[in-house]
Amino acid sequence: MTDDALRERVQGLMPQAQSELAEMVAFESVYDPTGTPPEDCDRMVDWLLDTFGELGFDDVESHVTADGSKAVTGHLAGPDDAPTVLLYFHHDVQPPLGADEWDSPVWELTERNGRWYGRGAADCKGNIAVHLTALRALGGDLPVNVKIVGEGSEEQGSGGMEDFVPRNPDLLRADAIIVADSGNFEIGRPSLTTSLRGVANVIVTVETLASAMHSGMFGGAAPDALAALIAMLASLRDENGNTTVRGLDSTETFDGVEYPVDAFRRDAGVLDGVDVIGSGKVADMVWARPAATVLGIDCPPVVGSSAAVQPRARARINLRVPPGMDAKVAQQALIDHLTAVAPWNVRVTIEPEASGSPFSGTTSGPGYDTMVDAMQRTYGSEVLLMGQGGSIPLCNVFAETYPEAEIMLLGVEEPSCLIHAPNESVDPGEIENMAIVEAMFLREYARRAAR
């Protein structure tokens, strides 16, 4: 099949891709690791079992993982001596974050201004549509073995698949792993994500008084727990906005694609007149250096607050850890830093949360070469190597369990998708092009791997 014929096949399948994505978006598959998962999580799993089964996959099954979520697996056999490609996706989604902030129904795929809107339209159900469309375009005539694995709690980071993979190594073993949970640098610019920052969170609690005390009678001498916490949090950045955790290097640079400041301002929604922070280039700051972010603070809200010196305050801090830095070491450095900068001998308790290691993806090998070639032919431009500030801990588990496998991150989640935010959307052109890329890869990888 020629490239033009393959493109025509994918284009002819796009109405079905839209219809199936609408079915997937309609499932409110927000997994809750702390309670009973909604029934739509199970409905989404059943839909996947039926759909991949209809495509000819054998042994399509769901598996309850350690956190209670369900993983979906299956196998489509190719020639006996052919390499195996594992296609990853996740089928859970982020919460809506306020239906009143959406311009169209959260759980209804809505076409507007050339984009398809709905929770999960890009992250990650749009990537499932890519897998399905690519496989259909090839018509079941595959020169490789194909396995699938769909994760059910990726958005909650609750670790179900991180336990499942090493417990079932043969079930998912592959020569090339396509992690479809990323996206291009921008629409129409083919990109591979080659680095992911890890994560190391802590919760810090400051205590100073037996109870809240009247600010008029005691303020000025009574140690204010909230003021102490604010001073500690302020020490995490310098005047330029660089993260300044003692013992952590904040000078590394990113060797891949540049991230223009104007593009970053647009993608991040930085308000007019507000500075982009940090003394490095944007790519350095978001992909190659640690970044501390205060996720939340427990203290009295403005409305209803009283004239009192606070006896207790706490905060949750997220530390993003770049490749080359150990997440556990970074977490301990954050703990040591906060302890050292605490003023007035306040009582400090720091609770480490789960940490995840940074990740560096494949940049050489037959799989990488096949993927780069497919991307360049599909998009007609050079492939960009980029980083991602977020974490996908499962990538490290794949690397540890299958050290010989080539692991590549790609997908439909370019910046204007607004994943994890209200009004998430996907550009259908990205679904089409990424389906062509994946179909080309599946068609040509075996030949290159055999050289």
Protein backbone atom coordinates (compact mmCIF):
# COMPACT_ATOMS: atom_id res chain seq x y z
CA MET A 1 0.00 0.00 0.00
CA THR A 2 1.40 3.40 -0.97
CA ASP A 3 1.57 6.32 1.44
CA ASP A 4 -1.14 8.10 -0.55
CA ALA A 5 -3.41 5.06 -0.39
CA LEU A 6 -2.84 4.78 3.36
CA ARG A 7 -3.70 8.44 3.85
CA GLU A 8 -6.90 7.98 1.84
CA ARG A 9 -7.86 5.02 4.02
CA VAL A 10 -7.32 7.00 7.22
CA GLN A 11 -9.27 9.97 5.85
CA GLY A 12 -12.14 7.62 5.00
CA LEU A 13 -12.09 6.33 8.58
CA MET A 14 -12.27 9.75 10.24
CA PRO A 15 -16.11 9.80 10.50
CA GLN A 16 -15.91 6.51 12.43
CA ALA A 17 -13.09 7.95 14.57
CA GLN A 18 -15.31 10.92 15.43
CA SER A 19 -18.26 8.69 16.22
CA GLU A 20 -16.21 6.39 18.45
CA LEU A 21 -14.54 9.30 20.20
CA ALA A 22 -18.02 10.68 20.95
CA GLU A 23 -18.95 7.33 22.51
CA MET A 24 -15.78 7.34 24.62
CA VAL A 25 -16.17 10.95 25.77
CA ALA A 26 -19.71 10.15 26.92
CA PHE A 27 -18.26 7.78 29.55
CA GLU A 28 -17.56 9.79 32.72
CA SER A 29 -14.54 7.64 33.51
CA VAL A 30 -13.02 9.67 36.34
CA TYR A 31 -11.39 7.04 38.51
CA ASP A 32 -11.61 7.60 42.28
CA PRO A 33 -8.93 5.65 44.18
CA THR A 34 -10.40 6.66 47.55
CA GLY A 35 -13.94 5.44 47.01
CA THR A 36 -16.13 3.42 44.68
CA PRO A 37 -15.19 4.09 41.05
CA PRO A 38 -18.11 5.36 38.97
CA GLU A 39 -19.93 2.80 36.85
CA ASP A 40 -18.75 4.59 33.71
CA CYS A 41 -15.20 3.38 34.40
CA ASP A 42 -16.48 -0.17 33.95
CA ARG A 43 -18.57 0.84 30.94
CA MET A 44 -15.49 2.34 29.32
CA VAL A 45 -13.59 -0.90 29.92
CA ASP A 46 -16.42 -2.95 28.41
CA TRP A 47 -16.42 -0.67 25.36
CA LEU A 48 -12.70 -1.23 24.88
CA LEU A 49 -13.03 -5.00 25.24
CA ASP A 50 -15.77 -5.09 22.61
CA THR A 51 -14.07 -2.70 20.20
CA PHE A 52 -10.63 -4.28 20.21
CA GLY A 53 -12.23 -7.71 20.11
CA GLU A 54 -14.11 -6.73 16.94
CA LEU A 55 -10.76 -5.66 15.44
CA GLY A 56 -9.53 -9.23 15.79
CA PHE A 57 -7.52 -9.01 19.00
CA ASP A 58 -7.22 -12.26 20.93
CA ASP A 59 -7.34 -12.63 24.70
CA VAL A 60 -8.83 -9.17 25.19
CA GLU A 61 -9.24 -8.99 28.95
CA SER A 62 -9.61 -6.63 31.86
CA HIS A 63 -7.47 -7.05 34.96
CA VAL A 64 -8.09 -5.54 38.38
CA THR A 65 -4.86 -3.87 39.45
CA ALA A 66 -3.49 -3.15 42.91
CA ASP A 67 -5.36 0.16 43.28
CA GLY A 68 -8.70 -1.31 42.18
CA SER A 69 -8.63 0.15 38.68
CA LYS A 70 -8.88 -2.03 35.59
CA ALA A 71 -6.25 -2.53 32.93
CA VAL A 72 -7.18 -3.69 29.44
CA THR A 73 -4.87 -6.00 27.48
CA GLY A 74 -5.02 -7.88 24.20
CA HIS A 75 -2.89 -9.37 21.43
CA LEU A 76 -3.14 -9.27 17.64
CA ALA A 77 -0.85 -11.94 16.20
CA GLY A 78 1.50 -11.29 13.30
CA PRO A 79 4.15 -13.59 11.82
CA ASP A 80 5.83 -15.89 14.33
CA ASP A 81 9.27 -14.33 13.94
CA ALA A 82 8.04 -10.73 13.80
CA PRO A 83 8.86 -8.11 16.44
CA THR A 84 6.19 -7.04 18.90
CA VAL A 85 4.82 -3.52 19.34
CA LEU A 86 3.00 -2.55 22.53
CA LEU A 87 0.43 0.26 22.19
CA TYR A 88 -0.22 2.07 25.48
CA PHE A 89 -3.11 4.35 26.38
CA HIS A 90 -5.14 5.25 29.47
CA HIS A 91 -8.91 5.25 29.58
CA ASP A 92 -9.55 7.32 32.70
CA VAL A 93 -9.89 11.11 32.52
CA GLN A 94 -9.51 14.18 34.68
CA PRO A 95 -12.54 15.58 36.58
CA PRO A 96 -14.42 18.36 34.73
CA LEU A 97 -13.20 21.06 37.19
CA GLY A 98 -16.52 22.90 37.05
CA ALA A 99 -19.09 22.26 34.33
CA ASP A 100 -20.04 25.95 34.42
CA GLU A 101 -16.58 26.83 33.07
CA TRP A 102 -17.14 24.80 29.90
CA ASP A 103 -18.59 26.38 26.76
CA SER A 104 -20.20 23.08 25.72
CA PRO A 105 -21.29 19.94 27.60
CA VAL A 106 -18.38 18.23 29.35
CA TRP A 107 -19.37 14.69 28.38
CA GLU A 108 -20.64 15.37 24.86
CA LEU A 109 -18.19 15.59 21.96
CA THR A 110 -18.95 18.96 20.40
CA GLU A 111 -17.47 20.31 17.18
CA ARG A 112 -16.64 23.98 17.30
CA ASN A 113 -14.28 26.08 15.18
CA GLY A 114 -12.72 23.01 13.65
CA ARG A 115 -11.95 21.28 16.99
CA TRP A 116 -13.70 18.54 18.93
CA TYR A 117 -14.45 19.48 22.57
CA GLY A 118 -15.12 17.24 25.58
CA ARG A 119 -13.33 15.82 28.60
CA GLY A 120 -10.87 13.21 27.40
CA ALA A 121 -11.15 14.25 23.74
CA ALA A 122 -7.36 14.57 23.70
CA ASP A 123 -6.16 13.07 27.00
CA CYS A 124 -6.28 10.22 26.37
CA LYS A 125 -9.30 9.04 24.40
CA GLY A 126 -8.15 10.90 21.31
CA ASN A 127 -5.07 8.70 21.39
CA ILE A 128 -7.25 5.58 21.62
CA ALA A 129 -8.97 6.82 18.44
CA VAL A 130 -5.50 7.02 16.84
CA HIS A 131 -4.74 3.38 17.71
CA LEU A 132 -8.09 2.17 16.40
CA THR A 133 -7.89 4.18 13.18
CA ALA A 134 -4.31 3.09 12.43
CA LEU A 135 -5.17 -0.58 12.95
CA ARG A 136 -8.30 -0.34 10.79
CA ALA A 137 -6.35 1.42 8.03
CA LEU A 138 -4.00 -1.56 7.81
CA GLY A 139 -6.93 -3.94 7.54
CA GLY A 140 -5.55 -6.54 9.90
CA ASP A 141 -2.65 -7.35 7.58
CA LEU A 142 0.17 -6.69 10.01
CA PRO A 143 3.85 -7.63 9.64
CA VAL A 144 4.29 -7.24 13.42
CA ASN A 145 2.69 -8.60 16.54
CA VAL A 146 0.63 -5.95 18.33
CA LYS A 147 -0.23 -5.84 22.01
CA ILE A 148 -2.35 -3.24 23.79
CA VAL A 149 -2.43 -2.08 27.38
CA GLY A 150 -4.92 0.47 28.66
CA GLU A 151 -4.46 1.96 32.12
CA GLY A 152 -7.42 2.84 34.33
CA SER A 153 -5.99 5.24 36.91
CA GLU A 154 -3.24 7.23 35.17
CA GLU A 155 -4.74 10.60 36.01
CA GLN A 156 -4.79 9.77 39.72
CA GLY A 157 -1.23 8.44 39.71
CA SER A 158 -2.31 5.71 42.09
CA GLY A 159 0.15 3.12 40.83
CA GLY A 160 -2.06 0.28 39.69
CA MET A 161 -0.18 -0.29 36.44
CA GLU A 162 3.19 0.33 38.07
CA ASP A 163 2.50 -2.80 40.14
CA PHE A 164 0.82 -4.74 37.31
CA VAL A 165 3.58 -4.52 34.70
CA PRO A 166 6.42 -6.19 36.69
CA ARG A 167 3.98 -8.81 37.95
CA ASN A 168 3.00 -9.70 34.36
CA PRO A 169 6.17 -9.18 32.33
CA ASP A 170 5.46 -11.73 29.60
CA LEU A 171 1.94 -10.43 29.01
CA LEU A 172 3.23 -7.03 27.86
CA ARG A 173 6.75 -7.84 26.65
CA ALA A 174 7.57 -5.99 23.43
CA ASP A 175 10.42 -4.76 21.26
CA ALA A 176 8.93 -1.29 20.79
CA ILE A 177 6.51 0.53 23.10
CA ILE A 178 4.43 3.43 21.84
CA VAL A 179 3.20 5.50 24.76
CA ALA A 180 0.34 7.52 23.30
CA ASP A 181 -0.05 10.13 26.02
CA SER A 182 1.86 13.10 24.68
CA GLY A 183 1.63 15.36 21.66
CA ASN A 184 3.31 17.61 19.13
CA PHE A 185 5.12 20.83 20.03
CA GLU A 186 2.32 22.60 18.18
CA ILE A 187 -0.26 21.62 15.58
CA GLY A 188 1.38 20.29 12.47
CA ARG A 189 4.92 20.07 13.89
CA PRO A 190 5.78 16.38 14.40
CA SER A 191 7.41 15.80 17.77
CA LEU A 192 8.71 13.02 19.98
CA THR A 193 8.84 13.56 23.73
CA THR A 194 12.27 12.37 24.81
CA SER A 195 12.36 13.54 28.43
CA LEU A 196 9.91 13.70 31.31
CA ARG A 197 10.45 15.33 34.66
CA GLY A 198 9.81 13.19 37.69
CA VAL A 199 7.89 14.27 40.76
CA ALA A 200 8.58 14.48 44.50
CA ASN A 201 5.78 15.90 46.67
CA VAL A 202 5.79 16.77 50.36
CA ILE A 203 3.29 18.13 52.86
CA VAL A 204 4.81 20.56 55.37
CA THR A 205 3.03 21.48 58.61
CA VAL A 206 4.05 24.39 60.86
CA GLU A 207 2.83 24.70 64.48
CA THR A 208 3.51 27.56 66.90
CA LEU A 209 0.69 28.03 69.45
CA ALA A 210 -1.71 25.92 71.46
CA SER A 211 -4.63 27.74 69.81
CA ALA A 212 -5.44 30.79 67.72
CA MET A 213 -4.82 33.99 69.69
CA HIS A 214 -6.28 37.49 69.37
CA SER A 215 -4.05 39.49 66.99
CA GLY A 216 -4.64 42.71 68.94
CA MET A 217 -3.64 41.27 72.31
CA PHE A 218 -0.82 38.95 71.15
CA GLY A 219 0.13 39.93 67.60
CA GLY A 220 3.70 41.17 67.29
CA ALA A 221 5.24 38.72 69.74
CA ALA A 222 3.18 35.57 69.22
CA PRO A 223 4.79 33.43 66.50
CA ASP A 224 2.43 33.31 63.53
CA ALA A 225 2.43 29.84 61.96
CA LEU A 226 1.08 31.12 58.66
CA ALA A 227 3.72 33.85 58.44
CA ALA A 228 6.42 31.28 59.17
CA LEU A 229 5.08 28.99 56.45
CA ILE A 230 4.93 31.86 53.95
CA ALA A 231 8.58 32.69 54.68
CA MET A 232 9.56 29.05 54.14
CA LEU A 233 7.67 28.81 50.85
CA ALA A 234 9.14 32.11 49.63
CA SER A 235 12.63 30.63 50.05
CA LEU A 236 11.91 28.08 47.32
CA ARG A 237 12.46 30.70 44.57
CA ASP A 238 14.87 33.57 44.08
CA GLU A 239 14.03 37.05 42.82
CA ASN A 240 14.10 35.83 39.20
CA GLY A 241 11.77 32.91 39.88
CA ASN A 242 14.42 30.18 39.75
CA THR A 243 13.80 27.23 42.06
CA THR A 244 16.36 27.41 44.87
CA VAL A 245 16.17 24.20 46.87
CA ARG A 246 19.52 23.77 48.60
CA GLY A 247 21.59 20.97 47.10
CA LEU A 248 19.69 20.79 43.79
CA ASP A 249 21.28 21.95 40.54
CA SER A 250 19.15 24.56 38.75
CA THR A 251 21.55 25.30 35.89
CA GLU A 252 20.99 22.43 33.42
CA THR A 253 20.00 23.19 29.81
CA PHE A 254 17.77 21.38 27.32
CA ASP A 255 19.42 20.23 24.09
CA GLY A 256 16.29 19.71 21.98
CA VAL A 257 13.82 22.12 20.43
CA GLU A 258 13.66 25.73 21.62
CA TYR A 259 10.42 26.92 23.23
CA PRO A 260 9.90 30.54 22.12
CA VAL A 261 8.81 32.84 24.91
CA ASP A 262 5.83 34.16 22.91
CA ALA A 263 4.64 30.61 22.23
CA PHE A 264 5.01 29.72 25.90
CA ARG A 265 3.09 32.83 26.98
CA ARG A 266 0.27 31.83 24.66
CA ASP A 267 0.27 28.15 25.66
CA ALA A 268 0.43 28.92 29.40
CA GLY A 269 -2.07 31.79 29.28
CA VAL A 270 0.37 34.24 30.89
CA LEU A 271 -1.43 37.57 31.43
CA ASP A 272 -0.27 40.67 29.57
CA GLY A 273 2.50 42.46 31.44
CA VAL A 274 3.30 39.49 33.71
CA ASP A 275 6.84 38.11 33.39
CA VAL A 276 7.79 34.58 32.42
CA ILE A 277 10.04 33.52 35.29
CA GLY A 278 13.51 32.02 35.47
CA SER A 279 16.93 33.03 34.22
CA GLY A 280 17.24 30.27 31.63
CA LYS A 281 15.48 29.69 28.33
CA VAL A 282 11.90 28.42 28.57
CA ALA A 283 12.90 24.91 27.49
CA ASP A 284 15.52 24.85 30.25
CA MET A 285 13.04 25.96 32.88
CA VAL A 286 10.22 23.54 32.03
CA TRP A 287 12.13 20.47 30.82
CA ALA A 288 15.67 20.46 32.26
CA ARG A 289 15.52 22.03 35.73
CA PRO A 290 13.71 21.33 39.01
CA ALA A 291 10.62 23.38 39.71
CA ALA A 292 8.87 23.78 43.07
CA THR A 293 5.16 24.65 43.01
CA VAL A 294 2.90 25.23 45.99
CA LEU A 295 -0.19 23.16 45.19
CA GLY A 296 -2.29 24.16 48.18
CA ILE A 297 -2.28 25.81 51.58
CA ASP A 298 -4.45 25.03 54.60
CA CYS A 299 -5.20 28.32 56.36
CA PRO A 300 -8.28 30.43 57.08
CA PRO A 301 -10.01 31.74 53.94
CA VAL A 302 -10.39 35.49 53.51
CA VAL A 303 -14.16 35.37 53.86
CA GLY A 304 -14.94 34.52 57.47
CA SER A 305 -11.40 35.02 58.77
CA SER A 306 -10.99 36.52 62.22
CA ALA A 307 -8.42 38.80 63.88
CA ALA A 308 -6.25 35.96 65.14
CA VAL A 309 -2.64 34.82 65.06
CA GLN A 310 -2.68 31.39 63.44
CA PRO A 311 -1.36 28.45 65.49
CA ARG A 312 -1.03 26.01 62.59
CA ALA A 313 -0.70 26.05 58.81
CA ARG A 314 0.34 23.54 56.20
CA ALA A 315 1.09 23.36 52.50
CA ARG A 316 1.48 20.73 49.79
CA ILE A 317 4.52 21.25 47.59
CA ASN A 318 5.13 19.68 44.20
CA LEU A 319 8.75 19.34 43.09
CA ARG A 320 9.34 18.46 39.45
CA VAL A 321 12.58 16.54 39.01
CA PRO A 322 14.45 16.66 35.66
CA PRO A 323 16.27 13.76 33.99
CA GLY A 324 19.64 13.13 35.62
CA MET A 325 18.34 13.90 39.10
CA ASP A 326 17.23 11.21 41.56
CA ALA A 327 13.68 11.84 42.74
CA LYS A 328 14.26 10.42 46.23
CA VAL A 329 17.40 12.51 46.69
CA ALA A 330 15.54 15.59 45.46
CA GLN A 331 12.67 14.93 47.84
CA GLN A 332 15.05 14.67 50.79
CA ALA A 333 16.78 17.87 49.68
CA LEU A 334 13.40 19.63 49.73
CA ILE A 335 12.69 18.30 53.23
CA ASP A 336 16.11 19.39 54.47
CA HIS A 337 15.71 22.82 52.88
CA LEU A 338 12.32 23.50 54.46
CA THR A 339 13.56 22.33 57.84
CA ALA A 340 16.64 24.56 57.66
CA VAL A 341 14.81 27.76 56.64
CA ALA A 342 12.01 27.48 59.20
CA PRO A 343 12.15 30.64 61.40
CA TRP A 344 11.67 31.15 65.15
CA ASN A 345 12.24 27.49 66.08
CA VAL A 346 8.71 26.69 64.93
CA ARG A 347 7.67 23.05 65.02
CA VAL A 348 7.92 21.60 61.52
CA THR A 349 6.53 18.25 60.40
CA ILE A 350 7.17 17.15 56.82
CA GLU A 351 5.38 14.19 55.27
CA PRO A 352 6.88 12.85 52.03
CA GLU A 353 4.37 11.70 49.44
CA ALA A 354 5.03 9.25 46.63
CA SER A 355 7.86 10.17 44.29
CA GLY A 356 8.35 9.33 40.63
CA SER A 357 11.62 9.23 38.71
CA PRO A 358 12.32 11.34 35.62
CA PHE A 359 12.50 9.56 32.27
CA SER A 360 14.55 9.75 29.07
CA GLY A 361 13.04 8.17 25.98
CA THR A 362 14.57 6.38 22.99
CA THR A 363 16.59 8.48 20.55
CA SER A 364 18.18 5.72 18.46
CA GLY A 365 17.42 2.24 17.13
CA PRO A 366 15.22 0.70 14.44
CA GLY A 367 12.00 1.69 16.15
CA TYR A 368 13.12 5.28 16.60
CA ASP A 369 14.33 5.50 12.99
CA THR A 370 11.07 4.03 11.70
CA MET A 371 9.00 6.44 13.77
CA VAL A 372 10.99 9.53 12.75
CA ASP A 373 10.72 8.54 9.08
CA ALA A 374 6.96 7.99 9.37
CA MET A 375 6.46 11.34 11.07
CA GLN A 376 8.54 13.22 8.51
CA ARG A 377 6.70 11.66 5.57
CA THR A 378 3.30 12.29 7.12
CA TYR A 379 3.86 15.89 8.18
CA GLY A 380 6.44 16.87 5.58
CA SER A 381 8.76 18.47 8.13
CA GLU A 382 11.59 17.68 10.50
CA VAL A 383 10.77 15.84 13.72
CA LEU A 384 11.33 17.87 16.87
CA LEU A 385 12.71 16.35 20.05
CA MET A 386 11.03 17.93 23.04
CA GLY A 387 10.60 17.50 26.76
CA GLN A 388 7.52 17.47 28.93
CA GLY A 389 7.27 18.91 32.39
CA GLY A 390 4.75 16.33 33.52
CA SER A 391 5.42 12.83 34.78
CA ILE A 392 4.43 9.39 33.48
CA PRO A 393 5.88 7.03 36.12
CA LEU A 394 4.86 3.99 34.10
CA CYS A 395 7.51 4.86 31.48
CA ASN A 396 10.21 4.09 34.03
CA VAL A 397 8.51 0.82 34.91
CA PHE A 398 8.48 -0.13 31.22
CA ALA A 399 12.18 0.75 30.96
CA GLU A 400 13.09 -1.29 34.03
CA THR A 401 10.95 -4.29 33.06
CA TYR A 402 11.89 -4.28 29.36
CA PRO A 403 15.40 -2.76 29.22
CA GLU A 404 15.89 -3.72 25.55
CA ALA A 405 12.64 -2.15 24.35
CA GLU A 406 12.54 1.16 22.50
CA ILE A 407 10.07 3.49 24.24
CA MET A 408 8.59 6.41 22.28
CA LEU A 409 6.13 9.04 23.50
CA LEU A 410 3.79 10.75 21.07
CA GLY A 411 0.14 11.57 20.56
CA VAL A 412 -2.50 14.22 19.88
CA GLU A 413 -2.10 16.34 23.03
CA GLU A 414 -0.59 19.56 21.61
CA PRO A 415 -0.71 22.68 23.86
CA SER A 416 -3.99 24.14 22.60
CA CYS A 417 -5.82 20.96 23.70
CA LEU A 418 -5.99 22.40 27.26
CA ILE A 419 -5.74 18.95 28.81
CA HIS A 420 -6.65 18.86 32.54
CA ALA A 421 -8.49 22.20 32.10
CA PRO A 422 -12.04 23.23 31.22
CA ASN A 423 -12.79 23.21 27.47
CA GLU A 424 -10.40 20.39 26.64
CA SER A 425 -10.39 19.72 22.90
CA VAL A 426 -8.54 17.94 20.12
CA ASP A 427 -7.68 18.94 16.57
CA PRO A 428 -9.10 16.16 14.34
CA GLY A 429 -6.21 16.76 11.95
CA GLU A 430 -3.84 15.55 14.67
CA ILE A 431 -5.86 12.35 15.10
CA GLU A 432 -5.72 11.81 11.34
CA ASN A 433 -2.00 12.50 10.99
CA MET A 434 -0.97 10.52 14.06
CA ALA A 435 -3.05 7.57 12.82
CA ILE A 436 -1.15 7.72 9.53
CA VAL A 437 2.15 7.88 11.44
CA GLU A 438 1.26 4.86 13.57
CA ALA A 439 0.00 2.85 10.61
CA MET A 440 3.23 3.55 8.72
CA PHE A 441 5.24 2.52 11.75
CA LEU A 442 3.36 -0.77 12.17
CA ARG A 443 3.72 -1.46 8.44
CA GLU A 444 7.47 -0.78 8.23
CA TYR A 445 9.04 -1.47 11.64
CA ALA A 446 9.58 -5.20 11.11
CA ARG A 447 11.57 -4.64 7.92
CA ARG A 448 13.90 -2.10 9.56
CA ALA A 449 14.24 -4.20 12.74
CA ALA A 450 15.42 -7.17 10.68
CA ARG A 451 18.38 -5.30 9.14
